[in-house]
Protein backbone atom coordinates (compact mmCIF):
# COMPACT_ATOMS: atom_id res chain seq x y z
CA MET A 1 4.01 18.18 -5.37
CA LEU A 2 0.83 17.86 -3.34
CA GLN A 3 0.08 20.18 -0.46
CA THR A 4 -0.18 18.55 2.97
CA ALA A 5 -3.85 19.59 3.31
CA GLU A 6 -4.79 17.58 0.22
CA LYS A 7 -5.59 13.91 0.55
CA ILE A 8 -3.34 11.79 -1.62
CA GLY A 9 -4.81 8.85 -3.49
CA TRP A 10 -3.25 5.45 -4.00
CA ASP A 11 -2.06 6.09 -7.54
CA GLU A 12 -0.53 9.45 -6.65
CA LEU A 13 1.24 7.94 -3.64
CA LEU A 14 2.67 5.13 -5.77
CA ASP A 15 3.72 7.57 -8.49
CA GLU A 16 5.61 9.67 -5.92
CA TYR A 17 7.23 6.54 -4.51
CA PHE A 18 8.32 5.30 -7.95
CA PHE A 19 9.61 8.73 -8.93
CA SER A 20 11.80 8.76 -5.81
CA HIS A 21 13.14 5.22 -6.23
CA MET A 22 14.87 3.47 -9.11
CA LEU A 23 12.88 0.25 -9.38
CA ARG A 24 12.71 -2.34 -12.11
CA PRO A 25 9.43 -2.39 -14.06
CA ALA A 26 8.64 -5.83 -12.60
CA THR A 27 9.05 -4.42 -9.09
CA GLU A 28 6.74 -1.50 -9.84
CA TRP A 29 4.22 -3.99 -11.24
CA SER A 30 4.46 -5.97 -7.99
CA TYR A 31 3.80 -2.86 -5.88
CA ARG A 32 0.79 -1.96 -8.03
CA LYS A 33 -0.57 -5.50 -7.71
CA VAL A 34 -0.30 -5.43 -3.91
CA LYS A 35 -2.04 -2.04 -3.86
CA ARG A 36 -4.80 -3.35 -6.13
CA VAL A 37 -5.41 -6.45 -3.98
CA PHE A 38 -5.44 -4.36 -0.78
CA VAL A 39 -7.80 -1.74 -2.24
CA ASN A 40 -10.12 -4.48 -3.49
CA PHE A 41 -10.22 -5.87 0.04
CA MET A 42 -10.72 -2.47 1.71
CA GLY A 43 -13.09 -0.97 -0.86
CA GLU A 44 -12.42 1.41 -3.72
CA THR A 45 -13.30 4.53 -1.74
CA VAL A 46 -10.75 4.05 1.07
CA GLN A 47 -7.82 6.45 0.79
CA PRO A 48 -4.32 5.70 2.12
CA GLU A 49 -4.62 8.06 5.10
CA GLU A 50 -7.78 6.28 6.25
CA VAL A 51 -6.10 2.86 6.61
CA THR A 52 -5.58 1.70 10.19
CA HIS A 53 -3.33 -0.94 11.70
CA ARG A 54 -6.43 -3.01 12.39
CA ASP A 55 -7.37 -2.87 8.69
CA VAL A 56 -4.01 -4.40 7.81
CA LEU A 57 -4.49 -7.09 10.47
CA LYS A 58 -7.94 -7.91 9.04
CA TRP A 59 -6.37 -8.21 5.60
CA ARG A 60 -3.71 -10.55 7.01
CA ARG A 61 -6.39 -12.74 8.60
CA TYR A 62 -8.28 -12.82 5.30
CA LEU A 63 -5.22 -13.70 3.18
CA LEU A 64 -3.78 -16.31 5.53
CA GLY A 65 -7.10 -17.78 6.66
CA GLU A 66 -9.70 -17.53 3.94
CA GLN A 67 -7.38 -17.25 0.94
CA LYS A 68 -4.91 -19.83 2.34
CA GLN A 69 -1.92 -17.79 1.20
CA SER A 70 1.48 -18.58 2.68
CA SER A 71 3.18 -16.51 5.34
CA HIS A 72 5.93 -15.82 2.78
CA THR A 73 3.34 -14.26 0.45
CA TRP A 74 1.94 -12.22 3.33
CA ASN A 75 5.40 -10.98 4.34
CA ASN A 76 6.06 -9.86 0.76
CA LYS A 77 2.75 -7.99 0.53
CA VAL A 78 3.09 -6.27 3.89
CA ALA A 79 6.69 -5.26 3.13
CA HIS A 80 5.45 -3.48 -0.01
CA LEU A 81 2.70 -1.70 1.93
CA ARG A 82 5.09 -0.76 4.73
CA ALA A 83 7.53 0.79 2.27
CA ILE A 84 4.77 2.83 0.60
CA PHE A 85 3.27 4.04 3.89
CA ASN A 86 6.66 4.83 5.47
CA PHE A 87 7.57 6.84 2.38
CA GLY A 88 4.27 8.73 2.51
CA ILE A 89 4.71 9.54 6.20
CA GLU A 90 8.36 10.58 5.82
CA ARG A 91 7.48 12.89 2.92
CA LYS A 92 4.46 14.26 4.82
CA LEU A 93 2.12 12.99 2.13
CA LEU A 94 0.28 11.01 4.84
CA PRO A 95 -0.47 11.94 8.45
């Protein structure tokens, strides 16, 4: 288990989440895909604890506006992110 002083990366956060939840392989794949798309948008160097609410809103604007994705797609993506971040905060893996 990581110490609270250490910054946790995206892959480590997902691994902890998957270890704590019994998910189907297809569901894990979906979470990893959402993470990959979000990290591509934010930049490879951004760590989970550096993400702000405004960053997520910018991503929403990008997906719904420029990418023309549906609100259903957005809701699915943000639900995945919310679950990962809430887990990280509850487990004190994220501030």
